[in-house]
PDB file of N, CA and C in Angstrom:
ATOM      1  N   MET A   1       1.154  -1.057   0.005  1.00  0.00           N
ATOM      2  CA  MET A   1       0.062  -0.008   0.185  1.00  0.00           C
ATOM      3  C   MET A   1       0.762   1.358  -0.058  1.00  0.00           C
ATOM      4  N   LYS A   2       1.859   1.036   0.635  1.00  0.00           N
ATOM      5  CA  LYS A   2       2.783   2.792   0.904  1.00  0.00           C
ATOM      6  C   LYS A   2       3.489   2.443  -0.259  1.00  0.00           C
ATOM      7  N   LEU A   3       3.977   1.601  -0.986  1.00  0.00           N
ATOM      8  CA  LEU A   3       4.618   1.459  -2.210  1.00  0.00           C
ATOM      9  C   LEU A   3       3.641   2.260  -3.211  1.00  0.00           C
ATOM     10  N   ILE A   4       2.306   2.053  -3.317  1.00  0.00           N
ATOM     11  CA  ILE A   4       1.438   2.969  -4.388  1.00  0.00           C
ATOM     12  C   ILE A   4       1.409   4.100  -4.056  1.00  0.00           C
ATOM     13  N   ILE A   5       1.445   4.395  -2.788  1.00  0.00           N
ATOM     14  CA  ILE A   5       0.969   6.113  -2.567  1.00  0.00           C
ATOM     15  C   ILE A   5       2.120   6.824  -2.832  1.00  0.00           C
ATOM     16  N   PHE A   6       3.526   6.200  -2.513  1.00  0.00           N
ATOM     17  CA  PHE A   6       4.941   6.991  -2.462  1.00  0.00           C
ATOM     18  C   PHE A   6       4.762   7.567  -3.901  1.00  0.00           C
ATOM     19  N   PRO A   7       4.730   6.559  -5.231  1.00  0.00           N
ATOM     20  CA  PRO A   7       4.625   7.053  -6.574  1.00  0.00           C
ATOM     21  C   PRO A   7       3.429   7.868  -7.163  1.00  0.00           C
ATOM     22  N   LEU A   8       2.604   7.658  -6.661  1.00  0.00           N
ATOM     23  CA  LEU A   8       1.470   8.619  -6.773  1.00  0.00           C
ATOM     24  C   LEU A   8       1.722   9.912  -6.428  1.00  0.00           C
ATOM     25  N   ALA A   9       2.373   9.993  -5.228  1.00  0.00           N
ATOM     26  CA  ALA A   9       2.556  11.570  -4.512  1.00  0.00           C
ATOM     27  C   ALA A   9       3.719  11.829  -5.168  1.00  0.00           C
ATOM     28  N   LEU A  10       4.546  11.602  -5.603  1.00  0.00           N
ATOM     29  CA  LEU A  10       5.738  12.054  -6.179  1.00  0.00           C
ATOM     30  C   LEU A  10       5.246  12.884  -7.865  1.00  0.00           C
ATOM     31  N   ALA A  11       4.358  11.659  -8.265  1.00  0.00           N
ATOM     32  CA  ALA A  11       4.069  12.040  -9.691  1.00  0.00           C
ATOM     33  C   ALA A  11       2.977  13.382  -9.477  1.00  0.00           C
ATOM     34  N   THR A  12       2.274  13.536  -8.525  1.00  0.00           N
ATOM     35  CA  THR A  12       1.392  14.839  -8.560  1.00  0.00           C
ATOM     36  C   THR A  12       2.333  15.905  -8.184  1.00  0.00           C
ATOM     37  N   LEU A  13       3.277  15.824  -7.396  1.00  0.00           N
ATOM     38  CA  LEU A  13       4.315  16.986  -6.896  1.00  0.00           C
ATOM     39  C   LEU A  13       4.888  17.294  -8.611  1.00  0.00           C
ATOM     40  N   LEU A  14       5.111  16.282  -8.958  1.00  0.00           N
ATOM     41  CA  LEU A  14       6.286  16.809 -10.457  1.00  0.00           C
ATOM     42  C   LEU A  14       5.037  17.625 -11.563  1.00  0.00           C
ATOM     43  N   LEU A  15       3.879  17.013 -11.588  1.00  0.00           N
ATOM     44  CA  LEU A  15       3.015  17.538 -12.500  1.00  0.00           C
ATOM     45  C   LEU A  15       2.535  18.808 -11.904  1.00  0.00           C
ATOM     46  N   ALA A  16       2.411  18.865 -10.671  1.00  0.00           N
ATOM     47  CA  ALA A  16       1.576  20.382 -10.095  1.00  0.00           C
ATOM     48  C   ALA A  16       3.067  21.380 -10.587  1.00  0.00           C
ATOM     49  N   GLY A  17       4.369  21.283 -10.812  1.00  0.00           N
ATOM     50  CA  GLY A  17       4.967  21.911 -11.046  1.00  0.00           C
ATOM     51  C   GLY A  17       5.242  22.423 -12.419  1.00  0.00           C
ATOM     52  N   CYS A  18       4.761  21.660 -13.511  1.00  0.00           N
ATOM     53  CA  CYS A  18       4.885  21.592 -14.671  1.00  0.00           C
ATOM     54  C   CYS A  18       3.395  22.648 -15.128  1.00  0.00           C
ATOM     55  N   SER A  19       3.451  23.878 -15.454  1.00  0.00           N
ATOM     56  CA  SER A  19       2.617  24.712 -15.837  1.00  0.00           C
ATOM     57  C   SER A  19       3.190  25.574 -16.966  1.00  0.00           C
ATOM     58  N   ASP A  20       2.372  26.325 -17.723  1.00  0.00           N
ATOM     59  CA  ASP A  20       2.654  27.180 -18.982  1.00  0.00           C
ATOM     60  C   ASP A  20       3.000  28.457 -18.097  1.00  0.00           C
ATOM     61  N   SER A  21       4.432  28.664 -18.150  1.00  0.00           N
ATOM     62  CA  SER A  21       4.760  30.292 -17.551  1.00  0.00           C
ATOM     63  C   SER A  21       3.981  31.302 -17.936  1.00  0.00           C
ATOM     64  N   SER A  22       3.263  31.350 -19.061  1.00  0.00           N
ATOM     65  CA  SER A  22       2.420  32.692 -19.871  1.00  0.00           C
ATOM     66  C   SER A  22       1.323  32.487 -18.798  1.00  0.00           C
ATOM     67  N   ALA A  23       0.937  31.606 -18.589  1.00  0.00           N
ATOM     68  CA  ALA A  23      -0.215  31.671 -17.226  1.00  0.00           C
ATOM     69  C   ALA A  23      -0.348  31.973 -16.322  1.00  0.00           C
ATOM     70  N   THR A  24       0.750  32.210 -15.404  1.00  0.00           N
ATOM     71  CA  THR A  24       1.033  32.613 -14.501  1.00  0.00           C
ATOM     72  C   THR A  24       1.671  34.224 -14.367  1.00  0.00           C
ATOM     73  N   LYS A  25       1.312  34.730 -15.020  1.00  0.00           N
ATOM     74  CA  LYS A  25       1.804  36.328 -14.799  1.00  0.00           C
ATOM     75  C   LYS A  25       1.056  37.268 -13.750  1.00  0.00           C
ATOM     76  N   PRO A  26       2.276  37.897 -12.976  1.00  0.00           N
ATOM     77  CA  PRO A  26       1.335  38.720 -11.875  1.00  0.00           C
ATOM     78  C   PRO A  26       0.322  39.389 -12.298  1.00  0.00           C
ATOM     79  N   VAL A  27      -0.418  39.528 -11.322  1.00  0.00           N
ATOM     80  CA  VAL A  27      -1.699  40.353 -11.420  1.00  0.00           C
ATOM     81  C   VAL A  27      -1.589  41.845 -10.704  1.00  0.00           C
ATOM     82  N   ALA A  28      -1.983  42.674 -11.245  1.00  0.00           N
ATOM     83  CA  ALA A  28      -1.650  44.055 -10.928  1.00  0.00           C
ATOM     84  C   ALA A  28      -2.671  44.255  -9.744  1.00  0.00           C
ATOM     85  N   ALA A  29      -2.059  44.811  -8.606  1.00  0.00           N
ATOM     86  CA  ALA A  29      -3.313  45.071  -7.513  1.00  0.00           C
ATOM     87  C   ALA A  29      -4.302  46.225  -8.378  1.00  0.00           C
ATOM     88  N   THR A  30      -5.566  45.909  -7.673  1.00  0.00           N
ATOM     89  CA  THR A  30      -6.875  46.797  -7.894  1.00  0.00           C
ATOM     90  C   THR A  30      -7.158  47.643  -6.924  1.00  0.00           C
ATOM     91  N   ASN A  31      -6.782  47.387  -5.793  1.00  0.00           N
ATOM     92  CA  ASN A  31      -7.269  48.018  -4.602  1.00  0.00           C
ATOM     93  C   ASN A  31      -5.904  48.616  -4.089  1.00  0.00           C
ATOM     94  N   ALA A  32      -6.009  49.673  -3.744  1.00  0.00           N
ATOM     95  CA  ALA A  32      -4.935  50.746  -3.181  1.00  0.00           C
ATOM     96  C   ALA A  32      -4.724  50.362  -1.619  1.00  0.00           C
ATOM     97  N   THR A  33      -3.390  50.429  -1.458  1.00  0.00           N
ATOM     98  CA  THR A  33      -3.231  50.076   0.029  1.00  0.00           C
ATOM     99  C   THR A  33      -3.757  51.190   0.926  1.00  0.00           C
ATOM    100  N   PRO A  34      -4.470  50.779   2.352  1.00  0.00           N
ATOM    101  CA  PRO A  34      -5.214  51.511   3.022  1.00  0.00           C
ATOM    102  C   PRO A  34      -4.348  52.535   3.600  1.00  0.00           C
ATOM    103  N   LYS A  35      -4.355  54.032   3.811  1.00  0.00           N
ATOM    104  CA  LYS A  35      -4.230  54.701   4.097  1.00  0.00           C
ATOM    105  C   LYS A  35      -2.813  54.266   5.691  1.00  0.00           C
ATOM    106  N   TYR A  36      -3.735  53.716   6.638  1.00  0.00           N
ATOM    107  CA  TYR A  36      -3.147  53.279   7.646  1.00  0.00           C
ATOM    108  C   TYR A  36      -2.864  51.818   7.757  1.00  0.00           C
ATOM    109  N   ASP A  37      -2.045  51.428   6.655  1.00  0.00           N
ATOM    110  CA  ASP A  37      -1.723  50.088   6.583  1.00  0.00           C
ATOM    111  C   ASP A  37      -0.305  49.995   6.136  1.00  0.00           C
ATOM    112  N   SER A  38       0.633  49.985   6.644  1.00  0.00           N
ATOM    113  CA  SER A  38       2.400  50.262   6.618  1.00  0.00           C
ATOM    114  C   SER A  38       2.673  49.270   6.470  1.00  0.00           C
ATOM    115  N   GLY A  39       1.956  47.845   6.907  1.00  0.00           N
ATOM    116  CA  GLY A  39       2.580  46.331   6.949  1.00  0.00           C
ATOM    117  C   GLY A  39       3.632  46.212   8.104  1.00  0.00           C
ATOM    118  N   ASN A  40       4.003  47.224   8.517  1.00  0.00           N
ATOM    119  CA  ASN A  40       5.165  47.161   9.458  1.00  0.00           C
ATOM    120  C   ASN A  40       4.232  46.932  10.833  1.00  0.00           C
ATOM    121  N   PRO A  41       4.862  45.627  11.381  1.00  0.00           N
ATOM    122  CA  PRO A  41       4.175  45.258  12.731  1.00  0.00           C
ATOM    123  C   PRO A  41       4.593  46.504  13.752  1.00  0.00           C
ATOM    124  N   LEU A  42       5.636  47.225  13.915  1.00  0.00           N
ATOM    125  CA  LEU A  42       6.228  48.217  14.946  1.00  0.00           C
ATOM    126  C   LEU A  42       5.314  49.416  14.729  1.00  0.00           C
ATOM    127  N   THR A  43       4.703  49.632  13.676  1.00  0.00           N
ATOM    128  CA  THR A  43       3.862  50.586  13.094  1.00  0.00           C
ATOM    129  C   THR A  43       2.035  50.506  13.460  1.00  0.00           C
ATOM    130  N   ALA A  44       1.865  49.025  13.712  1.00  0.00           N
ATOM    131  CA  ALA A  44       0.530  48.651  14.131  1.00  0.00           C
ATOM    132  C   ALA A  44      -0.548  49.316  14.790  1.00  0.00           C
ATOM    133  N   PRO A  45       0.132  49.365  16.170  1.00  0.00           N
ATOM    134  CA  PRO A  45      -0.979  50.368  17.363  1.00  0.00           C
ATOM    135  C   PRO A  45      -0.931  51.463  16.323  1.00  0.00           C
ATOM    136  N   ALA A  46      -0.041  52.285  15.874  1.00  0.00           N
ATOM    137  CA  ALA A  46      -0.186  53.632  15.385  1.00  0.00           C
ATOM    138  C   ALA A  46      -1.035  53.720  14.238  1.00  0.00           C
ATOM    139  N   ASP A  47      -0.920  53.029  13.489  1.00  0.00           N
ATOM    140  CA  ASP A  47      -2.064  52.432  12.404  1.00  0.00           C
ATOM    141  C   ASP A  47      -3.214  52.507  12.546  1.00  0.00           C
ATOM    142  N   TYR A  48      -3.241  51.497  13.716  1.00  0.00           N
ATOM    143  CA  TYR A  48      -4.855  51.059  13.901  1.00  0.00           C
ATOM    144  C   TYR A  48      -5.158  52.386  14.929  1.00  0.00           C
ATOM    145  N   LEU A  49      -5.010  53.095  15.553  1.00  0.00           N
ATOM    146  CA  LEU A  49      -5.339  54.331  15.899  1.00  0.00           C
ATOM    147  C   LEU A  49      -5.451  55.401  15.103  1.00  0.00           C
ATOM    148  N   GLY A  50      -4.856  55.532  13.977  1.00  0.00           N
ATOM    149  CA  GLY A  50      -5.381  56.594  12.852  1.00  0.00           C
ATOM    150  C   GLY A  50      -6.409  55.919  12.315  1.00  0.00           C
ATOM    151  N   ALA A  51      -6.783  54.736  11.995  1.00  0.00           N
ATOM    152  CA  ALA A  51      -7.879  54.223  11.238  1.00  0.00           C
ATOM    153  C   ALA A  51      -9.189  54.631  12.292  1.00  0.00           C
ATOM    154  N   VAL A  52      -8.984  54.602  13.623  1.00  0.00           N
ATOM    155  CA  VAL A  52     -10.136  54.357  14.334  1.00  0.00           C
ATOM    156  C   VAL A  52     -10.261  56.014  14.432  1.00  0.00           C
ATOM    157  N   VAL A  53      -9.434  56.988  14.679  1.00  0.00           N
ATOM    158  CA  VAL A  53      -9.644  58.204  14.577  1.00  0.00           C
ATOM    159  C   VAL A  53     -10.740  58.589  13.421  1.00  0.00           C
ATOM    160  N   GLU A  54      -9.906  58.325  11.991  1.00  0.00           N
ATOM    161  CA  GLU A  54     -10.854  58.368  10.739  1.00  0.00           C
ATOM    162  C   GLU A  54     -11.894  57.798  10.827  1.00  0.00           C
ATOM    163  N   ALA A  55     -12.158  56.593  11.356  1.00  0.00           N
ATOM    164  CA  ALA A  55     -13.546  56.065  11.315  1.00  0.00           C
ATOM    165  C   ALA A  55     -14.292  57.041  11.985  1.00  0.00           C
ATOM    166  N   LYS A  56     -14.165  57.334  13.418  1.00  0.00           N
ATOM    167  CA  LYS A  56     -14.649  58.017  13.996  1.00  0.00           C
ATOM    168  C   LYS A  56     -15.423  59.278  13.348  1.00  0.00           C
ATOM    169  N   LYS A  57     -14.488  60.016  12.897  1.00  0.00           N
ATOM    170  CA  LYS A  57     -14.581  61.314  11.905  1.00  0.00           C
ATOM    171  C   LYS A  57     -15.600  61.038  11.013  1.00  0.00           C
ATOM    172  N   HIS A  58     -15.680  59.669  10.280  1.00  0.00           N
ATOM    173  CA  HIS A  58     -16.567  59.678   9.350  1.00  0.00           C
ATOM    174  C   HIS A  58     -17.985  59.345   9.930  1.00  0.00           C
ATOM    175  N   SER A  59     -18.157  58.233  10.757  1.00  0.00           N
ATOM    176  CA  SER A  59     -19.264  58.341  11.718  1.00  0.00           C
ATOM    177  C   SER A  59     -19.954  59.523  12.080  1.00  0.00           C
ATOM    178  N   GLU A  60     -19.566  60.539  12.677  1.00  0.00           N
ATOM    179  CA  GLU A  60     -20.057  61.566  13.116  1.00  0.00           C
ATOM    180  C   GLU A  60     -20.372  62.436  11.947  1.00  0.00           C
ATOM    181  N   LYS A  61     -19.859  62.798  11.104  1.00  0.00           N
ATOM    182  CA  LYS A  61     -20.281  63.473   9.907  1.00  0.00           C
ATOM    183  C   LYS A  61     -21.356  62.922   8.905  1.00  0.00           C
ATOM    184  N   VAL A  62     -21.497  61.367   8.981  1.00  0.00           N
ATOM    185  CA  VAL A  62     -22.675  60.754   8.554  1.00  0.00           C
ATOM    186  C   VAL A  62     -23.760  61.236   9.179  1.00  0.00           C
ATOM    187  N   ILE A  63     -23.530  60.886  10.621  1.00  0.00           N
ATOM    188  CA  ILE A  63     -24.863  60.709  11.696  1.00  0.00           C
ATOM    189  C   ILE A  63     -25.371  62.534  11.789  1.00  0.00           C
ATOM    190  N   ASP A  64     -24.340  63.038  11.647  1.00  0.00           N
ATOM    191  CA  ASP A  64     -24.726  64.857  11.644  1.00  0.00           C
ATOM    192  C   ASP A  64     -25.529  65.348  10.194  1.00  0.00           C
ATOM    193  N   VAL A  65     -24.807  64.962   9.266  1.00  0.00           N
ATOM    194  CA  VAL A  65     -25.660  65.402   7.894  1.00  0.00           C
ATOM    195  C   VAL A  65     -26.731  64.462   7.719  1.00  0.00           C
ATOM    196  N   ALA A  66     -26.974  63.415   8.339  1.00  0.00           N
ATOM    197  CA  ALA A  66     -28.702  62.775   8.539  1.00  0.00           C
ATOM    198  C   ALA A  66     -29.230  63.376   9.040  1.00  0.00           C
ATOM    199  N   ALA A  67     -29.060  63.558  10.573  1.00  0.00           N
ATOM    200  CA  ALA A  67     -29.668  64.402  11.310  1.00  0.00           C
ATOM    201  C   ALA A  67     -30.344  65.551  10.457  1.00  0.00           C
ATOM    202  N   ILE A  68     -29.456  66.505  10.118  1.00  0.00           N
ATOM    203  CA  ILE A  68     -29.987  67.782   9.592  1.00  0.00           C
ATOM    204  C   ILE A  68     -30.634  67.784   7.984  1.00  0.00           C
ATOM    205  N   ASN A  69     -30.579  66.619   7.511  1.00  0.00           N
ATOM    206  CA  ASN A  69     -31.348  66.526   6.255  1.00  0.00           C
ATOM    207  C   ASN A  69     -32.733  65.683   6.814  1.00  0.00           C
ATOM    208  N   GLN A  70     -32.867  65.377   7.769  1.00  0.00           N
ATOM    209  CA  GLN A  70     -34.254  64.703   8.439  1.00  0.00           C
ATOM    210  C   GLN A  70     -34.871  65.861   8.873  1.00  0.00           C
ATOM    211  N   ALA A  71     -34.263  66.936   9.379  1.00  0.00           N
ATOM    212  CA  ALA A  71     -34.724  68.006  10.372  1.00  0.00           C
ATOM    213  C   ALA A  71     -35.077  68.868   8.858  1.00  0.00           C
ATOM    214  N   ILE A  72     -34.336  69.133   8.003  1.00  0.00           N
ATOM    215  CA  ILE A  72     -35.166  69.908   6.778  1.00  0.00           C
ATOM    216  C   ILE A  72     -36.149  69.313   5.996  1.00  0.00           C
ATOM    217  N   GLN A  73     -36.153  67.585   6.217  1.00  0.00           N
ATOM    218  CA  GLN A  73     -37.578  67.239   5.668  1.00  0.00           C
ATOM    219  C   GLN A  73     -38.680  67.415   6.348  1.00  0.00           C
ATOM    220  N   LEU A  74     -38.410  67.602   7.872  1.00  0.00           N
ATOM    221  CA  LEU A  74     -39.045  67.869   8.599  1.00  0.00           C
ATOM    222  C   LEU A  74     -39.998  69.192   8.516  1.00  0.00           C
ATOM    223  N   PHE A  75     -39.378  70.308   8.184  1.00  0.00           N
ATOM    224  CA  PHE A  75     -39.334  71.663   8.120  1.00  0.00           C
ATOM    225  C   PHE A  75     -40.229  71.699   7.080  1.00  0.00           C
ATOM    226  N   ASN A  76     -39.788  70.995   5.934  1.00  0.00           N
ATOM    227  CA  ASN A  76     -40.655  70.861   4.561  1.00  0.00           C
ATOM    228  C   ASN A  76     -42.156  70.767   4.631  1.00  0.00           C
ATOM    229  N   VAL A  77     -42.218  69.454   5.544  1.00  0.00           N
ATOM    230  CA  VAL A  77     -43.795  69.030   5.734  1.00  0.00           C
ATOM    231  C   VAL A  77     -44.413  69.639   6.534  1.00  0.00           C
ATOM    232  N   GLN A  78     -43.847  70.399   7.572  1.00  0.00           N
ATOM    233  CA  GLN A  78     -44.366  71.183   8.330  1.00  0.00           C
ATOM    234  C   GLN A  78     -44.862  72.632   7.473  1.00  0.00           C
ATOM    235  N   GLU A  79     -44.009  73.347   7.177  1.00  0.00           N
ATOM    236  CA  GLU A  79     -43.982  74.376   6.603  1.00  0.00           C
ATOM    237  C   GLU A  79     -44.113  74.601   5.164  1.00  0.00           C
ATOM    238  N   GLY A  80     -44.212  73.614   4.546  1.00  0.00           N
ATOM    239  CA  GLY A  80     -44.625  73.988   3.381  1.00  0.00           C
ATOM    240  C   GLY A  80     -43.298  74.420   2.245  1.00  0.00           C
ATOM    241  N   ARG A  81     -42.350  74.765   2.797  1.00  0.00           N
ATOM    242  CA  ARG A  81     -41.264  75.066   2.046  1.00  0.00           C
ATOM    243  C   ARG A  81     -39.986  74.604   2.310  1.00  0.00           C
ATOM    244  N   LEU A  82     -39.045  75.096   1.752  1.00  0.00           N
ATOM    245  CA  LEU A  82     -37.478  74.870   2.439  1.00  0.00           C
ATOM    246  C   LEU A  82     -37.002  75.685   3.279  1.00  0.00           C
ATOM    247  N   PRO A  83     -36.280  75.443   4.042  1.00  0.00           N
ATOM    248  CA  PRO A  83     -35.437  76.306   4.682  1.00  0.00           C
ATOM    249  C   PRO A  83     -34.473  77.351   3.746  1.00  0.00           C
ATOM    250  N   LYS A  84     -34.547  78.456   4.190  1.00  0.00           N
ATOM    251  CA  LYS A  84     -33.282  79.455   3.348  1.00  0.00           C
ATOM    252  C   LYS A  84     -32.151  79.133   3.968  1.00  0.00           C
ATOM    253  N   ASP A  85     -31.944  78.728   5.058  1.00  0.00           N
ATOM    254  CA  ASP A  85     -30.478  78.471   5.329  1.00  0.00           C
ATOM    255  C   ASP A  85     -30.856  77.630   6.891  1.00  0.00           C
ATOM    256  N   LEU A  86     -29.853  76.889   7.005  1.00  0.00           N
ATOM    257  CA  LEU A  86     -29.819  76.126   8.254  1.00  0.00           C
ATOM    258  C   LEU A  86     -30.303  76.707   9.498  1.00  0.00           C
ATOM    259  N   ASN A  87     -29.977  78.008   9.872  1.00  0.00           N
ATOM    260  CA  ASN A  87     -30.192  78.550  10.945  1.00  0.00           C
ATOM    261  C   ASN A  87     -32.021  78.669  11.269  1.00  0.00           C
ATOM    262  N   GLU A  88     -32.421  78.376  10.282  1.00  0.00           N
ATOM    263  CA  GLU A  88     -34.087  78.706  10.296  1.00  0.00           C
ATOM    264  C   GLU A  88     -34.739  77.112  11.077  1.00  0.00           C
ATOM    265  N   LEU A  89     -33.966  76.251  10.901  1.00  0.00           N
ATOM    266  CA  LEU A  89     -33.928  74.938  11.712  1.00  0.00           C
ATOM    267  C   LEU A  89     -33.728  74.577  13.144  1.00  0.00           C
ATOM    268  N   VAL A  90     -33.230  76.017  14.060  1.00  0.00           N
ATOM    269  CA  VAL A  90     -32.755  76.068  14.910  1.00  0.00           C
ATOM    270  C   VAL A  90     -34.059  77.047  15.618  1.00  0.00           C
ATOM    271  N   PRO A  91     -34.759  76.632  16.746  1.00  0.00           N
ATOM    272  CA  PRO A  91     -34.637  75.585  17.799  1.00  0.00           C
ATOM    273  C   PRO A  91     -36.093  74.765  17.816  1.00  0.00           C
ATOM    274  N   ASN A  92     -36.660  74.703  16.551  1.00  0.00           N
ATOM    275  CA  ASN A  92     -37.765  74.030  16.513  1.00  0.00           C
ATOM    276  C   ASN A  92     -37.292  72.640  15.702  1.00  0.00           C
ATOM    277  N   TYR A  93     -36.617  72.252  14.838  1.00  0.00           N
ATOM    278  CA  TYR A  93     -36.238  71.256  14.302  1.00  0.00           C
ATOM    279  C   TYR A  93     -34.805  70.894  14.791  1.00  0.00           C
ATOM    280  N   LEU A  94     -34.290  71.490  15.289  1.00  0.00           N
ATOM    281  CA  LEU A  94     -32.588  71.163  15.505  1.00  0.00           C
ATOM    282  C   LEU A  94     -32.519  71.760  17.079  1.00  0.00           C
ATOM    283  N   GLY A  95     -32.113  71.494  18.063  1.00  0.00           N
ATOM    284  CA  GLY A  95     -31.497  71.804  19.283  1.00  0.00           C
ATOM    285  C   GLY A  95     -30.618  72.943  18.730  1.00  0.00           C
ATOM    286  N   LYS A  96     -29.631  72.786  17.876  1.00  0.00           N
ATOM    287  CA  LYS A  96     -28.424  73.536  17.604  1.00  0.00           C
ATOM    288  C   LYS A  96     -27.991  72.907  16.319  1.00  0.00           C
ATOM    289  N   LEU A  97     -27.165  73.814  15.609  1.00  0.00           N
ATOM    290  CA  LEU A  97     -26.621  73.125  14.412  1.00  0.00           C
ATOM    291  C   LEU A  97     -25.486  72.217  14.731  1.00  0.00           C
ATOM    292  N   PRO A  98     -25.116  71.180  14.385  1.00  0.00           N
ATOM    293  CA  PRO A  98     -24.078  70.336  15.127  1.00  0.00           C
ATOM    294  C   PRO A  98     -22.896  70.918  14.450  1.00  0.00           C
ATOM    295  N   ALA A  99     -21.656  70.843  15.153  1.00  0.00           N
ATOM    296  CA  ALA A  99     -20.561  71.385  14.364  1.00  0.00           C
ATOM    297  C   ALA A  99     -19.632  70.319  13.114  1.00  0.00           C
ATOM    298  N   ALA A 100     -19.308  70.772  12.406  1.00  0.00           N
ATOM    299  CA  ALA A 100     -18.508  70.376  11.179  1.00  0.00           C
ATOM    300  C   ALA A 100     -17.453  69.116  11.836  1.00  0.00           C
ATOM    301  N   PRO A 101     -17.305  68.049  11.536  1.00  0.00           N
ATOM    302  CA  PRO A 101     -15.878  67.910  11.942  1.00  0.00           C
ATOM    303  C   PRO A 101     -14.951  68.287  11.526  1.00  0.00           C
ATOM    304  N   ILE A 102     -13.581  68.344  12.659  1.00  0.00           N
ATOM    305  CA  ILE A 102     -12.464  68.931  11.996  1.00  0.00           C
ATOM    306  C   ILE A 102     -11.815  68.818  10.695  1.00  0.00           C
ATOM    307  N   GLY A 103     -11.738  69.889   9.538  1.00  0.00           N
ATOM    308  CA  GLY A 103     -11.487  69.670   8.255  1.00  0.00           C
ATOM    309  C   GLY A 103     -12.494  69.368   7.282  1.00  0.00           C
ATOM    310  N   THR A 104     -13.562  69.508   7.628  1.00  0.00           N
ATOM    311  CA  THR A 104     -14.910  69.237   7.090  1.00  0.00           C
ATOM    312  C   THR A 104     -15.430  71.027   7.384  1.00  0.00           C
ATOM    313  N   LYS A 105     -16.811  71.146   6.234  1.00  0.00           N
ATOM    314  CA  LYS A 105     -17.715  72.319   6.564  1.00  0.00           C
ATOM    315  C   LYS A 105     -18.946  71.374   5.946  1.00  0.00           C
ATOM    316  N   LEU A 106     -19.954  72.249   6.407  1.00  0.00           N
ATOM    317  CA  LEU A 106     -21.248  71.696   5.971  1.00  0.00           C
ATOM    318  C   LEU A 106     -21.711  72.798   4.987  1.00  0.00           C
ATOM    319  N   VAL A 107     -22.131  72.217   3.676  1.00  0.00           N
ATOM    320  CA  VAL A 107     -22.940  73.045   2.446  1.00  0.00           C
ATOM    321  C   VAL A 107     -24.397  72.752   2.271  1.00  0.00           C
ATOM    322  N   TYR A 108     -25.122  73.858   2.366  1.00  0.00           N
ATOM    323  CA  TYR A 108     -26.567  73.522   2.367  1.00  0.00           C
ATOM    324  C   TYR A 108     -26.759  73.929   0.926  1.00  0.00           C
ATOM    325  N   ASP A 109     -27.557  73.101   0.277  1.00  0.00           N
ATOM    326  CA  ASP A 109     -28.243  73.721  -1.220  1.00  0.00           C
ATOM    327  C   ASP A 109     -29.677  73.905  -1.239  1.00  0.00           C
ATOM    328  N   ALA A 110     -29.859  75.015  -1.025  1.00  0.00           N
ATOM    329  CA  ALA A 110     -31.141  75.751  -0.679  1.00  0.00           C
ATOM    330  C   ALA A 110     -32.372  75.200  -1.713  1.00  0.00           C
ATOM    331  N   LYS A 111     -31.956  74.817  -2.833  1.00  0.00           N
ATOM    332  CA  LYS A 111     -32.741  74.754  -4.041  1.00  0.00           C
ATOM    333  C   LYS A 111     -32.949  72.825  -4.023  1.00  0.00           C
ATOM    334  N   ALA A 112     -32.286  72.267  -3.435  1.00  0.00           N
ATOM    335  CA  ALA A 112     -32.516  70.891  -3.340  1.00  0.00           C
ATOM    336  C   ALA A 112     -32.765  70.473  -1.788  1.00  0.00           C
ATOM    337  N   GLY A 113     -32.478  71.301  -0.763  1.00  0.00           N
ATOM    338  CA  GLY A 113     -33.235  71.134   0.279  1.00  0.00           C
ATOM    339  C   GLY A 113     -31.935  69.933   0.926  1.00  0.00           C
ATOM    340  N   THR A 114     -30.844  69.753   0.476  1.00  0.00           N
ATOM    341  CA  THR A 114     -29.878  68.785   1.136  1.00  0.00           C
ATOM    342  C   THR A 114     -28.457  69.596   1.663  1.00  0.00           C
ATOM    343  N   VAL A 115     -28.228  68.784   2.564  1.00  0.00           N
ATOM    344  CA  VAL A 115     -26.696  69.558   3.471  1.00  0.00           C
ATOM    345  C   VAL A 115     -25.682  68.115   2.978  1.00  0.00           C
ATOM    346  N   LYS A 116     -24.615  68.637   2.563  1.00  0.00           N
ATOM    347  CA  LYS A 116     -23.211  67.803   2.592  1.00  0.00           C
ATOM    348  C   LYS A 116     -22.211  68.179   3.165  1.00  0.00           C
ATOM    349  N   ALA A 117     -21.225  67.488   3.975  1.00  0.00           N
ATOM    350  CA  ALA A 117     -20.158  67.683   4.625  1.00  0.00           C
ATOM    351  C   ALA A 117     -19.152  67.542   3.407  1.00  0.00           C
ATOM    352  N   VAL A 118     -18.336  68.569   3.195  1.00  0.00           N
ATOM    353  CA  VAL A 118     -16.860  68.669   2.335  1.00  0.00           C
ATOM    354  C   VAL A 118     -16.013  68.970   2.866  1.00  0.00           C
ATOM    355  N   LYS A 119     -14.701  68.741   2.285  1.00  0.00           N
ATOM    356  CA  LYS A 119     -13.635  69.049   2.733  1.00  0.00           C
ATOM    357  C   LYS A 119     -13.110  70.315   2.481  1.00  0.00           C
ATOM    358  N   GLN A 120     -12.692  70.761   3.421  1.00  0.00           N
ATOM    359  CA  GLN A 120     -12.081  72.290   3.568  1.00  0.00           C
ATOM    360  C   GLN A 120     -11.128  72.737   2.780  1.00  0.00           C
TER     361      GLN A 120
END
């Protein structure tokens, strides 16, 4: 039994190594390396903390913009028009305007009735 398995395993290894070299061309990377992924184990804690800070900023921005857009929709339903500026939402629809995350600003499009956070 052992005599049969050894030649089969040897033949499999030899055949697995034989292939067309043109078929094994390197594939170009389609995804860019993330901003906080240096691949160095020594900088892994710093990379992790940097990614956490960026994720926190992003989530705050998304939540604030969603809350303002919801307040704009509520204003539109109750008043029958879109607000001329975001200050019309305070204090009836928003307690106060949320501060934009550092490095961004809130831009209100009065014609469309939408708010976006854009980089400064």
